[in-house]
Amino acid sequence: MLKKELPDKLYYSISEVSEHFDVAQSLLRYWESEFNTIKPKRNKKGTRFYTKKDLEQIGLIYHLVKEQGFTLSGAKDKLKLNKKGVQTEVETIRVLKEIKRFLEDVREKL
């Protein structure tokens, strides 16, 4: 899922977010137009600045569309009906991937 880890800060540029999720910047802009839960801040020039909340929303959409194969309308419906369940699923997968990395590190050290 995630290609590049992001530093801990208040705002992220669209290039950082697109690199983090390994998607095109145009896809992020499209998702922003399709999902009203993604609302990056903008400066006077119109440059987008994404918050951690935006990243969480993008992560849910990414999981449904790119990993689970949902259509955009299917992802919208799923988030409307069971957003908590999707959040739990994404968090569970994240924790399991961390455990897997840990176990792989242990195996390498043995």
N, C-alpha and C. Protein backbone atom coordinates (compact mmCIF):
# COMPACT_ATOMS: atom_id res chain seq x y z
N MET A 1 0.83 -1.20 0.00
CA MET A 1 0.00 0.00 0.00
C MET A 1 0.86 1.25 0.00
N LEU A 2 1.64 1.42 1.04
CA LEU A 2 2.38 2.67 1.17
C LEU A 2 3.80 2.49 0.67
N LYS A 3 4.18 3.37 -0.23
CA LYS A 3 5.51 3.29 -0.82
C LYS A 3 6.52 4.02 0.04
N LYS A 4 6.17 5.21 0.51
CA LYS A 4 7.11 6.05 1.24
C LYS A 4 6.46 6.53 2.53
N GLU A 5 7.19 6.43 3.62
CA GLU A 5 6.67 6.92 4.90
C GLU A 5 6.76 8.45 4.92
N LEU A 6 5.81 9.05 5.59
CA LEU A 6 5.78 10.51 5.69
C LEU A 6 6.29 10.96 7.05
N PRO A 7 6.98 12.08 7.09
CA PRO A 7 7.40 12.64 8.38
C PRO A 7 6.17 13.14 9.13
N ASP A 8 6.31 13.29 10.43
CA ASP A 8 5.20 13.77 11.24
C ASP A 8 5.17 15.30 11.19
N LYS A 9 4.18 15.84 10.49
CA LYS A 9 4.02 17.29 10.41
C LYS A 9 2.56 17.64 10.20
N LEU A 10 2.22 18.92 10.23
CA LEU A 10 0.83 19.35 10.14
C LEU A 10 0.25 19.23 8.74
N TYR A 11 1.03 19.61 7.73
CA TYR A 11 0.54 19.64 6.35
C TYR A 11 1.50 18.93 5.42
N TYR A 12 0.93 18.29 4.40
CA TYR A 12 1.70 17.57 3.40
C TYR A 12 1.33 18.09 2.01
N SER A 13 2.32 18.19 1.14
CA SER A 13 2.06 18.64 -0.23
C SER A 13 1.44 17.49 -1.03
N ILE A 14 0.86 17.83 -2.16
CA ILE A 14 0.25 16.81 -3.00
C ILE A 14 1.31 15.84 -3.52
N SER A 15 2.52 16.33 -3.75
CA SER A 15 3.58 15.43 -4.23
C SER A 15 3.97 14.42 -3.15
N GLU A 16 4.03 14.86 -1.89
CA GLU A 16 4.33 13.94 -0.80
C GLU A 16 3.24 12.88 -0.66
N VAL A 17 2.00 13.30 -0.76
CA VAL A 17 0.88 12.38 -0.60
C VAL A 17 0.84 11.39 -1.76
N SER A 18 1.06 11.89 -2.98
CA SER A 18 1.02 10.98 -4.13
C SER A 18 2.15 9.96 -4.06
N GLU A 19 3.32 10.38 -3.59
CA GLU A 19 4.43 9.45 -3.41
C GLU A 19 4.13 8.44 -2.31
N HIS A 20 3.53 8.90 -1.23
CA HIS A 20 3.21 8.04 -0.10
C HIS A 20 2.27 6.91 -0.52
N PHE A 21 1.25 7.23 -1.29
CA PHE A 21 0.28 6.23 -1.73
C PHE A 21 0.63 5.62 -3.08
N ASP A 22 1.68 6.12 -3.72
CA ASP A 22 2.11 5.64 -5.03
C ASP A 22 0.99 5.74 -6.06
N VAL A 23 0.38 6.93 -6.09
CA VAL A 23 -0.67 7.23 -7.08
C VAL A 23 -0.33 8.58 -7.72
N ALA A 24 -0.95 8.83 -8.86
CA ALA A 24 -0.72 10.10 -9.56
C ALA A 24 -1.40 11.25 -8.81
N GLN A 25 -0.82 12.43 -8.93
CA GLN A 25 -1.41 13.61 -8.31
C GLN A 25 -2.79 13.88 -8.89
N SER A 26 -2.96 13.60 -10.16
CA SER A 26 -4.27 13.81 -10.79
C SER A 26 -5.33 12.91 -10.17
N LEU A 27 -4.94 11.71 -9.75
CA LEU A 27 -5.90 10.81 -9.10
C LEU A 27 -6.33 11.38 -7.75
N LEU A 28 -5.39 11.95 -7.02
CA LEU A 28 -5.74 12.57 -5.75
C LEU A 28 -6.72 13.74 -5.96
N ARG A 29 -6.46 14.55 -6.98
CA ARG A 29 -7.38 15.66 -7.28
C ARG A 29 -8.75 15.13 -7.68
N TYR A 30 -8.79 14.04 -8.44
CA TYR A 30 -10.05 13.45 -8.85
C TYR A 30 -10.81 12.91 -7.63
N TRP A 31 -10.11 12.18 -6.77
CA TRP A 31 -10.76 11.66 -5.55
C TRP A 31 -11.30 12.81 -4.71
N GLU A 32 -10.56 13.91 -4.65
CA GLU A 32 -11.01 15.08 -3.91
C GLU A 32 -12.34 15.59 -4.45
N SER A 33 -12.50 15.55 -5.78
CA SER A 33 -13.76 16.02 -6.38
C SER A 33 -14.89 15.01 -6.17
N GLU A 34 -14.56 13.75 -6.00
CA GLU A 34 -15.58 12.70 -5.87
C GLU A 34 -15.99 12.44 -4.41
N PHE A 35 -15.08 12.62 -3.48
CA PHE A 35 -15.33 12.33 -2.06
C PHE A 35 -15.25 13.63 -1.28
N ASN A 36 -16.35 14.05 -0.70
CA ASN A 36 -16.37 15.32 0.04
C ASN A 36 -15.65 15.24 1.38
N THR A 37 -15.13 14.08 1.75
CA THR A 37 -14.40 13.96 3.01
C THR A 37 -12.94 14.38 2.87
N ILE A 38 -12.46 14.52 1.64
CA ILE A 38 -11.08 14.99 1.41
C ILE A 38 -11.16 16.49 1.13
N LYS A 39 -10.65 17.27 2.08
CA LYS A 39 -10.73 18.73 1.97
C LYS A 39 -9.39 19.37 2.32
N PRO A 40 -8.43 19.30 1.40
CA PRO A 40 -7.13 19.92 1.73
C PRO A 40 -7.26 21.44 1.84
N LYS A 41 -6.42 21.99 2.68
CA LYS A 41 -6.35 23.45 2.79
C LYS A 41 -5.67 23.97 1.52
N ARG A 42 -5.95 25.20 1.18
CA ARG A 42 -5.31 25.82 0.01
C ARG A 42 -4.79 27.20 0.38
N ASN A 43 -3.66 27.54 -0.21
CA ASN A 43 -3.17 28.90 -0.03
C ASN A 43 -3.75 29.79 -1.12
N LYS A 44 -3.32 31.04 -1.17
CA LYS A 44 -3.89 31.98 -2.15
C LYS A 44 -3.61 31.56 -3.59
N LYS A 45 -2.53 30.84 -3.81
CA LYS A 45 -2.21 30.38 -5.16
C LYS A 45 -2.99 29.11 -5.53
N GLY A 46 -3.67 28.51 -4.56
CA GLY A 46 -4.43 27.30 -4.82
C GLY A 46 -3.68 26.01 -4.55
N THR A 47 -2.47 26.13 -4.00
CA THR A 47 -1.68 24.95 -3.67
C THR A 47 -2.36 24.17 -2.55
N ARG A 48 -2.48 22.86 -2.73
CA ARG A 48 -3.15 22.01 -1.74
C ARG A 48 -2.19 21.63 -0.62
N PHE A 49 -2.72 21.61 0.61
CA PHE A 49 -1.98 21.15 1.77
C PHE A 49 -2.87 20.18 2.53
N TYR A 50 -2.46 18.91 2.55
CA TYR A 50 -3.25 17.85 3.15
C TYR A 50 -2.91 17.68 4.63
N THR A 51 -3.95 17.46 5.44
CA THR A 51 -3.78 17.20 6.87
C THR A 51 -3.76 15.69 7.10
N LYS A 52 -3.47 15.30 8.33
CA LYS A 52 -3.50 13.88 8.69
C LYS A 52 -4.90 13.30 8.50
N LYS A 53 -5.92 14.10 8.77
CA LYS A 53 -7.29 13.64 8.56
C LYS A 53 -7.54 13.35 7.08
N ASP A 54 -7.03 14.23 6.21
CA ASP A 54 -7.14 13.99 4.77
C ASP A 54 -6.43 12.69 4.39
N LEU A 55 -5.24 12.46 4.96
CA LEU A 55 -4.49 11.24 4.66
C LEU A 55 -5.26 10.00 5.09
N GLU A 56 -5.93 10.08 6.24
CA GLU A 56 -6.73 8.94 6.70
C GLU A 56 -7.86 8.65 5.71
N GLN A 57 -8.52 9.69 5.24
CA GLN A 57 -9.62 9.52 4.28
C GLN A 57 -9.09 8.94 2.97
N ILE A 58 -7.97 9.45 2.50
CA ILE A 58 -7.37 8.94 1.27
C ILE A 58 -6.97 7.48 1.46
N GLY A 59 -6.46 7.16 2.64
CA GLY A 59 -6.09 5.77 2.94
C GLY A 59 -7.27 4.83 2.86
N LEU A 60 -8.43 5.26 3.37
CA LEU A 60 -9.63 4.43 3.30
C LEU A 60 -10.06 4.23 1.85
N ILE A 61 -10.05 5.31 1.09
CA ILE A 61 -10.44 5.23 -0.32
C ILE A 61 -9.45 4.35 -1.09
N TYR A 62 -8.17 4.54 -0.83
CA TYR A 62 -7.14 3.75 -1.48
C TYR A 62 -7.36 2.27 -1.20
N HIS A 63 -7.62 1.94 0.05
CA HIS A 63 -7.85 0.54 0.44
C HIS A 63 -9.02 -0.06 -0.33
N LEU A 64 -10.12 0.67 -0.37
CA LEU A 64 -11.31 0.14 -1.04
C LEU A 64 -11.12 0.03 -2.55
N VAL A 65 -10.56 1.08 -3.16
CA VAL A 65 -10.48 1.13 -4.62
C VAL A 65 -9.29 0.33 -5.15
N LYS A 66 -8.12 0.56 -4.61
CA LYS A 66 -6.91 -0.05 -5.16
C LYS A 66 -6.64 -1.45 -4.62
N GLU A 67 -6.96 -1.70 -3.35
CA GLU A 67 -6.65 -3.00 -2.77
C GLU A 67 -7.84 -3.97 -2.81
N GLN A 68 -9.04 -3.46 -2.62
CA GLN A 68 -10.21 -4.32 -2.60
C GLN A 68 -10.94 -4.37 -3.94
N GLY A 69 -10.63 -3.47 -4.86
CA GLY A 69 -11.22 -3.49 -6.19
C GLY A 69 -12.60 -2.88 -6.31
N PHE A 70 -12.99 -2.05 -5.36
CA PHE A 70 -14.28 -1.37 -5.43
C PHE A 70 -14.27 -0.32 -6.53
N THR A 71 -15.43 -0.06 -7.10
CA THR A 71 -15.59 1.10 -7.97
C THR A 71 -15.71 2.32 -7.07
N LEU A 72 -15.62 3.52 -7.64
CA LEU A 72 -15.76 4.72 -6.81
C LEU A 72 -17.14 4.78 -6.17
N SER A 73 -18.17 4.45 -6.92
CA SER A 73 -19.52 4.49 -6.33
C SER A 73 -19.66 3.41 -5.26
N GLY A 74 -19.05 2.25 -5.49
CA GLY A 74 -19.07 1.20 -4.47
C GLY A 74 -18.34 1.62 -3.21
N ALA A 75 -17.21 2.30 -3.39
CA ALA A 75 -16.44 2.78 -2.24
C ALA A 75 -17.24 3.83 -1.46
N LYS A 76 -17.92 4.72 -2.19
CA LYS A 76 -18.76 5.73 -1.53
C LYS A 76 -19.84 5.07 -0.70
N ASP A 77 -20.51 4.07 -1.29
CA ASP A 77 -21.57 3.36 -0.57
C ASP A 77 -21.02 2.65 0.66
N LYS A 78 -19.90 1.98 0.50
CA LYS A 78 -19.30 1.24 1.62
C LYS A 78 -18.93 2.19 2.75
N LEU A 79 -18.37 3.36 2.42
CA LEU A 79 -18.00 4.32 3.45
C LEU A 79 -19.24 4.92 4.13
N LYS A 80 -20.31 5.10 3.38
CA LYS A 80 -21.55 5.61 3.98
C LYS A 80 -22.15 4.60 4.95
N LEU A 81 -22.15 3.34 4.54
CA LEU A 81 -22.80 2.30 5.33
C LEU A 81 -21.96 1.82 6.51
N ASN A 82 -20.64 1.74 6.33
CA ASN A 82 -19.81 1.11 7.36
C ASN A 82 -18.41 1.71 7.41
N LYS A 83 -18.33 3.00 7.63
CA LYS A 83 -17.03 3.66 7.67
C LYS A 83 -16.17 3.12 8.81
N LYS A 84 -16.78 2.89 9.97
CA LYS A 84 -16.04 2.36 11.12
C LYS A 84 -15.42 1.01 10.79
N GLY A 85 -16.19 0.17 10.12
CA GLY A 85 -15.70 -1.15 9.74
C GLY A 85 -14.52 -1.07 8.80
N VAL A 86 -14.58 -0.15 7.85
CA VAL A 86 -13.47 0.03 6.90
C VAL A 86 -12.25 0.55 7.65
N GLN A 87 -12.45 1.49 8.57
CA GLN A 87 -11.32 2.01 9.36
C GLN A 87 -10.67 0.90 10.17
N THR A 88 -11.49 0.05 10.77
CA THR A 88 -10.97 -1.06 11.56
C THR A 88 -10.19 -2.03 10.67
N GLU A 89 -10.71 -2.30 9.50
CA GLU A 89 -10.06 -3.20 8.56
C GLU A 89 -8.70 -2.66 8.13
N VAL A 90 -8.64 -1.38 7.80
CA VAL A 90 -7.39 -0.75 7.38
C VAL A 90 -6.38 -0.77 8.52
N GLU A 91 -6.82 -0.45 9.72
CA GLU A 91 -5.92 -0.45 10.89
C GLU A 91 -5.41 -1.86 11.18
N THR A 92 -6.27 -2.86 11.06
CA THR A 92 -5.86 -4.24 11.29
C THR A 92 -4.80 -4.66 10.29
N ILE A 93 -5.00 -4.32 9.04
CA ILE A 93 -4.02 -4.65 8.01
C ILE A 93 -2.69 -3.96 8.29
N ARG A 94 -2.75 -2.70 8.73
CA ARG A 94 -1.52 -1.97 9.04
C ARG A 94 -0.75 -2.66 10.17
N VAL A 95 -1.45 -3.05 11.22
CA VAL A 95 -0.81 -3.71 12.36
C VAL A 95 -0.22 -5.05 11.94
N LEU A 96 -0.96 -5.81 11.14
CA LEU A 96 -0.46 -7.11 10.68
C LEU A 96 0.79 -6.95 9.82
N LYS A 97 0.84 -5.91 9.00
CA LYS A 97 2.03 -5.67 8.19
C LYS A 97 3.22 -5.31 9.07
N GLU A 98 2.99 -4.55 10.14
CA GLU A 98 4.07 -4.22 11.08
C GLU A 98 4.58 -5.49 11.75
N ILE A 99 3.67 -6.36 12.16
CA ILE A 99 4.06 -7.62 12.80
C ILE A 99 4.86 -8.47 11.82
N LYS A 100 4.41 -8.51 10.57
CA LYS A 100 5.13 -9.28 9.55
C LYS A 100 6.55 -8.75 9.38
N ARG A 101 6.70 -7.43 9.29
CA ARG A 101 8.04 -6.83 9.15
C ARG A 101 8.91 -7.18 10.35
N PHE A 102 8.33 -7.12 11.55
CA PHE A 102 9.07 -7.45 12.77
C PHE A 102 9.54 -8.90 12.73
N LEU A 103 8.64 -9.81 12.37
CA LEU A 103 9.00 -11.23 12.32
C LEU A 103 10.04 -11.51 11.24
N GLU A 104 9.95 -10.82 10.12
CA GLU A 104 10.97 -10.98 9.08
C GLU A 104 12.33 -10.51 9.57
N ASP A 105 12.33 -9.40 10.33
CA ASP A 105 13.60 -8.91 10.91
C ASP A 105 14.18 -9.92 11.90
N VAL A 106 13.32 -10.50 12.71
CA VAL A 106 13.77 -11.51 13.68
C VAL A 106 14.35 -12.71 12.96
N ARG A 107 13.67 -13.16 11.89
CA ARG A 107 14.15 -14.30 11.11
C ARG A 107 15.52 -14.01 10.50
N GLU A 108 15.71 -12.81 9.99
CA GLU A 108 17.00 -12.44 9.40
C GLU A 108 18.12 -12.46 10.43
N LYS A 109 17.81 -12.09 11.66
CA LYS A 109 18.82 -12.01 12.70
C LYS A 109 19.17 -13.37 13.28
N LEU A 110 18.34 -14.37 13.04
CA LEU A 110 18.62 -15.71 13.57
C LEU A 110 19.65 -16.44 12.76
